[in-house]
């Protein structure tokens, strides 16, 4: 009789775990549909190219990344306000 009770508890835990996984996947799905693709397209293209270059050269540490000088600097609005007050 104890084994049937343990089996029932295990089944309930399994069902709760599957429901939790389903909820998480649903949240990820919703997030992906709400993603602004135009905003992320250039950044995503850069990351995919970076991955391709690393995979192509089969090196982990180095790649032919653009130099730091070519990065775009995005100033935070909070830091802009603090610099103006100084």
N, C-alpha and C. Protein backbone atom coordinates (compact mmCIF):
# COMPACT_ATOMS: atom_id res chain seq x y z
N UNK A 1 0.81 -1.19 0.00
CA UNK A 1 0.00 0.00 0.00
C UNK A 1 0.86 1.26 0.00
N UNK A 2 2.01 1.18 0.66
CA UNK A 2 2.90 2.34 0.71
C UNK A 2 3.48 2.65 -0.66
N UNK A 3 3.72 1.62 -1.47
CA UNK A 3 4.29 1.86 -2.80
C UNK A 3 3.30 2.57 -3.71
N UNK A 4 2.02 2.27 -3.59
CA UNK A 4 1.05 2.96 -4.43
C UNK A 4 0.93 4.43 -4.04
N UNK A 5 1.09 4.72 -2.75
CA UNK A 5 1.06 6.11 -2.29
C UNK A 5 2.30 6.85 -2.80
N UNK A 6 3.46 6.19 -2.74
CA UNK A 6 4.69 6.80 -3.24
C UNK A 6 4.62 7.02 -4.74
N UNK A 7 4.04 6.06 -5.44
CA UNK A 7 3.89 6.18 -6.89
C UNK A 7 2.99 7.36 -7.24
N UNK A 8 1.90 7.51 -6.51
CA UNK A 8 0.98 8.62 -6.75
C UNK A 8 1.67 9.95 -6.50
N UNK A 9 2.47 10.04 -5.41
CA UNK A 9 3.20 11.27 -5.12
C UNK A 9 4.21 11.60 -6.21
N UNK A 10 4.90 10.57 -6.70
CA UNK A 10 5.86 10.79 -7.78
C UNK A 10 5.17 11.27 -9.06
N UNK A 11 4.00 10.70 -9.36
CA UNK A 11 3.26 11.13 -10.53
C UNK A 11 2.81 12.59 -10.40
N UNK A 12 2.36 12.97 -9.20
CA UNK A 12 1.93 14.35 -8.97
C UNK A 12 3.11 15.32 -9.12
N UNK A 13 4.27 14.93 -8.58
CA UNK A 13 5.46 15.78 -8.72
C UNK A 13 5.86 15.91 -10.18
N UNK A 14 5.75 14.81 -10.93
CA UNK A 14 6.07 14.83 -12.35
C UNK A 14 5.14 15.75 -13.12
N UNK A 15 3.86 15.71 -12.78
CA UNK A 15 2.89 16.57 -13.45
C UNK A 15 3.18 18.03 -13.15
N UNK A 16 3.48 18.34 -11.89
CA UNK A 16 3.80 19.73 -11.52
C UNK A 16 5.06 20.20 -12.25
N UNK A 17 6.05 19.33 -12.37
CA UNK A 17 7.28 19.69 -13.07
C UNK A 17 7.00 19.96 -14.55
N UNK A 18 6.20 19.12 -15.17
CA UNK A 18 5.86 19.33 -16.58
C UNK A 18 5.07 20.61 -16.79
N UNK A 19 4.17 20.93 -15.87
CA UNK A 19 3.42 22.18 -15.96
C UNK A 19 4.35 23.37 -15.83
N UNK A 20 5.31 23.29 -14.94
CA UNK A 20 6.28 24.38 -14.77
C UNK A 20 7.12 24.57 -16.02
N UNK A 21 7.55 23.47 -16.62
CA UNK A 21 8.32 23.54 -17.86
C UNK A 21 7.47 24.15 -18.98
N UNK A 22 6.21 23.74 -19.07
CA UNK A 22 5.32 24.28 -20.10
C UNK A 22 5.11 25.77 -19.91
N UNK A 23 4.96 26.23 -18.67
CA UNK A 23 4.80 27.66 -18.41
C UNK A 23 6.05 28.43 -18.81
N UNK A 24 7.22 27.88 -18.51
CA UNK A 24 8.47 28.54 -18.88
C UNK A 24 8.62 28.65 -20.39
N UNK A 25 8.31 27.58 -21.10
CA UNK A 25 8.38 27.61 -22.56
C UNK A 25 7.38 28.60 -23.14
N UNK A 26 6.21 28.69 -22.52
CA UNK A 26 5.22 29.67 -22.97
C UNK A 26 5.71 31.09 -22.79
N UNK A 27 6.39 31.37 -21.66
CA UNK A 27 6.95 32.70 -21.43
C UNK A 27 8.04 33.03 -22.44
N UNK A 28 8.89 32.06 -22.74
CA UNK A 28 9.94 32.28 -23.74
C UNK A 28 9.32 32.54 -25.10
N UNK A 29 8.30 31.78 -25.44
CA UNK A 29 7.61 31.97 -26.71
C UNK A 29 7.00 33.36 -26.81
N UNK A 30 6.34 33.82 -25.76
CA UNK A 30 5.77 35.16 -25.74
C UNK A 30 6.84 36.22 -25.90
N UNK A 31 7.98 36.04 -25.21
CA UNK A 31 9.06 37.01 -25.28
C UNK A 31 9.61 37.10 -26.71
N UNK A 32 9.76 35.95 -27.36
CA UNK A 32 10.28 35.96 -28.72
C UNK A 32 9.33 36.67 -29.69
N UNK A 33 8.03 36.48 -29.52
CA UNK A 33 7.08 37.15 -30.40
C UNK A 33 7.03 38.65 -30.16
N UNK A 34 7.32 39.09 -28.95
CA UNK A 34 7.31 40.52 -28.64
C UNK A 34 8.63 41.21 -28.97
N UNK A 35 9.64 40.45 -29.35
CA UNK A 35 10.96 40.98 -29.63
C UNK A 35 10.92 41.89 -30.85
N UNK A 36 11.54 43.05 -30.73
CA UNK A 36 11.60 44.00 -31.84
C UNK A 36 12.74 43.60 -32.76
N UNK A 37 12.42 42.92 -33.86
CA UNK A 37 13.43 42.35 -34.74
C UNK A 37 14.26 43.43 -35.43
N UNK A 38 13.65 44.56 -35.78
CA UNK A 38 14.40 45.62 -36.45
C UNK A 38 15.50 46.17 -35.55
N UNK A 39 15.20 46.30 -34.29
CA UNK A 39 16.18 46.82 -33.34
C UNK A 39 17.33 45.86 -33.14
N UNK A 40 17.04 44.57 -33.13
CA UNK A 40 18.05 43.56 -32.83
C UNK A 40 18.75 43.00 -34.06
N UNK A 41 18.28 43.32 -35.26
CA UNK A 41 18.82 42.66 -36.45
C UNK A 41 20.31 42.94 -36.64
N UNK A 42 20.73 44.18 -36.48
CA UNK A 42 22.15 44.50 -36.69
C UNK A 42 23.02 43.85 -35.61
N UNK A 43 22.57 43.91 -34.38
CA UNK A 43 23.32 43.30 -33.28
C UNK A 43 23.39 41.78 -33.46
N UNK A 44 22.27 41.18 -33.82
CA UNK A 44 22.23 39.74 -34.03
C UNK A 44 23.13 39.33 -35.19
N UNK A 45 23.15 40.14 -36.24
CA UNK A 45 24.03 39.86 -37.37
C UNK A 45 25.49 39.87 -36.93
N UNK A 46 25.87 40.83 -36.08
CA UNK A 46 27.24 40.90 -35.60
C UNK A 46 27.59 39.66 -34.79
N UNK A 47 26.70 39.26 -33.88
CA UNK A 47 26.97 38.09 -33.05
C UNK A 47 27.04 36.81 -33.88
N UNK A 48 26.17 36.66 -34.86
CA UNK A 48 26.22 35.48 -35.72
C UNK A 48 27.51 35.45 -36.53
N UNK A 49 27.95 36.62 -37.01
CA UNK A 49 29.21 36.67 -37.74
C UNK A 49 30.37 36.33 -36.82
N UNK A 50 30.33 36.82 -35.60
CA UNK A 50 31.38 36.51 -34.63
C UNK A 50 31.44 35.00 -34.37
N UNK A 51 30.29 34.40 -34.17
CA UNK A 51 30.23 32.95 -33.96
C UNK A 51 30.78 32.21 -35.18
N UNK A 52 30.41 32.66 -36.36
CA UNK A 52 30.87 32.03 -37.59
C UNK A 52 32.39 32.11 -37.71
N UNK A 53 32.95 33.29 -37.42
CA UNK A 53 34.39 33.47 -37.52
C UNK A 53 35.14 32.56 -36.54
N UNK A 54 34.63 32.45 -35.32
CA UNK A 54 35.27 31.60 -34.33
C UNK A 54 35.16 30.13 -34.74
N UNK A 55 33.97 29.73 -35.19
CA UNK A 55 33.78 28.35 -35.60
C UNK A 55 34.63 28.02 -36.82
N UNK A 56 34.76 28.97 -37.73
CA UNK A 56 35.52 28.75 -38.95
C UNK A 56 37.01 28.57 -38.63
N UNK A 57 37.52 29.38 -37.73
CA UNK A 57 38.94 29.28 -37.41
C UNK A 57 39.22 28.24 -36.34
N UNK A 58 38.16 27.74 -35.72
CA UNK A 58 38.27 26.71 -34.67
C UNK A 58 39.19 27.14 -33.54
N UNK A 59 39.12 28.41 -33.20
CA UNK A 59 39.86 28.90 -32.05
C UNK A 59 38.86 29.43 -31.04
N UNK A 60 39.23 29.36 -29.79
CA UNK A 60 38.32 29.79 -28.74
C UNK A 60 38.66 31.19 -28.27
N UNK A 61 39.94 31.51 -28.14
CA UNK A 61 40.34 32.75 -27.52
C UNK A 61 40.38 33.95 -28.43
N UNK A 62 40.77 33.79 -29.68
CA UNK A 62 40.94 34.95 -30.54
C UNK A 62 40.10 34.80 -31.78
N UNK A 63 39.80 35.93 -32.37
CA UNK A 63 39.10 35.96 -33.64
C UNK A 63 39.43 37.28 -34.29
N UNK A 64 38.93 37.49 -35.48
CA UNK A 64 39.19 38.76 -36.15
C UNK A 64 38.04 39.72 -35.86
N UNK A 65 37.92 40.06 -34.59
CA UNK A 65 36.89 41.00 -34.16
C UNK A 65 37.26 42.41 -34.58
N UNK A 66 36.27 43.27 -34.71
CA UNK A 66 36.57 44.68 -34.95
C UNK A 66 37.26 45.26 -33.72
N UNK A 67 38.05 46.29 -33.95
CA UNK A 67 38.76 46.90 -32.83
C UNK A 67 37.80 47.64 -31.93
N UNK A 68 38.24 47.94 -30.71
CA UNK A 68 37.39 48.64 -29.75
C UNK A 68 37.03 50.04 -30.24
N UNK A 69 37.88 50.65 -31.07
CA UNK A 69 37.61 52.01 -31.55
C UNK A 69 36.39 52.04 -32.47
N UNK A 70 36.06 50.91 -33.10
CA UNK A 70 34.94 50.90 -34.03
C UNK A 70 33.60 50.63 -33.34
N UNK A 71 33.62 50.41 -32.03
CA UNK A 71 32.37 50.18 -31.31
C UNK A 71 31.58 51.46 -31.18
N UNK A 72 30.29 51.31 -31.21
CA UNK A 72 29.41 52.45 -30.96
C UNK A 72 29.26 52.62 -29.47
N UNK A 73 29.37 53.84 -29.02
CA UNK A 73 29.21 54.11 -27.61
C UNK A 73 27.79 54.59 -27.38
N UNK A 74 27.06 53.85 -26.55
CA UNK A 74 25.69 54.24 -26.21
C UNK A 74 25.71 54.78 -24.80
N UNK A 75 25.53 56.09 -24.69
CA UNK A 75 25.57 56.69 -23.37
C UNK A 75 24.25 56.46 -22.66
N UNK A 76 24.36 56.17 -21.39
CA UNK A 76 23.20 55.96 -20.57
C UNK A 76 22.61 57.32 -20.20
N UNK A 77 21.29 57.46 -20.19
CA UNK A 77 20.68 58.74 -19.87
C UNK A 77 20.97 59.15 -18.43
N UNK A 78 21.16 58.19 -17.53
CA UNK A 78 21.48 58.52 -16.15
C UNK A 78 22.86 59.15 -16.05
N UNK A 79 23.84 58.61 -16.79
CA UNK A 79 25.19 59.16 -16.72
C UNK A 79 25.25 60.50 -17.41
N UNK A 80 24.43 60.72 -18.43
CA UNK A 80 24.42 62.03 -19.09
C UNK A 80 23.94 63.11 -18.13
N UNK A 81 22.92 62.76 -17.33
CA UNK A 81 22.39 63.73 -16.37
C UNK A 81 23.38 64.02 -15.26
N UNK A 82 24.12 63.03 -14.81
CA UNK A 82 25.10 63.22 -13.75
C UNK A 82 26.27 64.05 -14.23
N UNK A 83 26.70 63.87 -15.49
CA UNK A 83 27.81 64.65 -16.02
C UNK A 83 27.42 66.12 -16.15
N UNK A 84 26.18 66.37 -16.50
CA UNK A 84 25.71 67.74 -16.63
C UNK A 84 25.63 68.45 -15.30
N UNK A 85 25.38 67.72 -14.21
CA UNK A 85 25.27 68.31 -12.88
C UNK A 85 26.63 68.56 -12.26
N UNK A 86 27.68 67.94 -12.75
CA UNK A 86 29.00 68.06 -12.15
C UNK A 86 29.62 69.40 -12.42
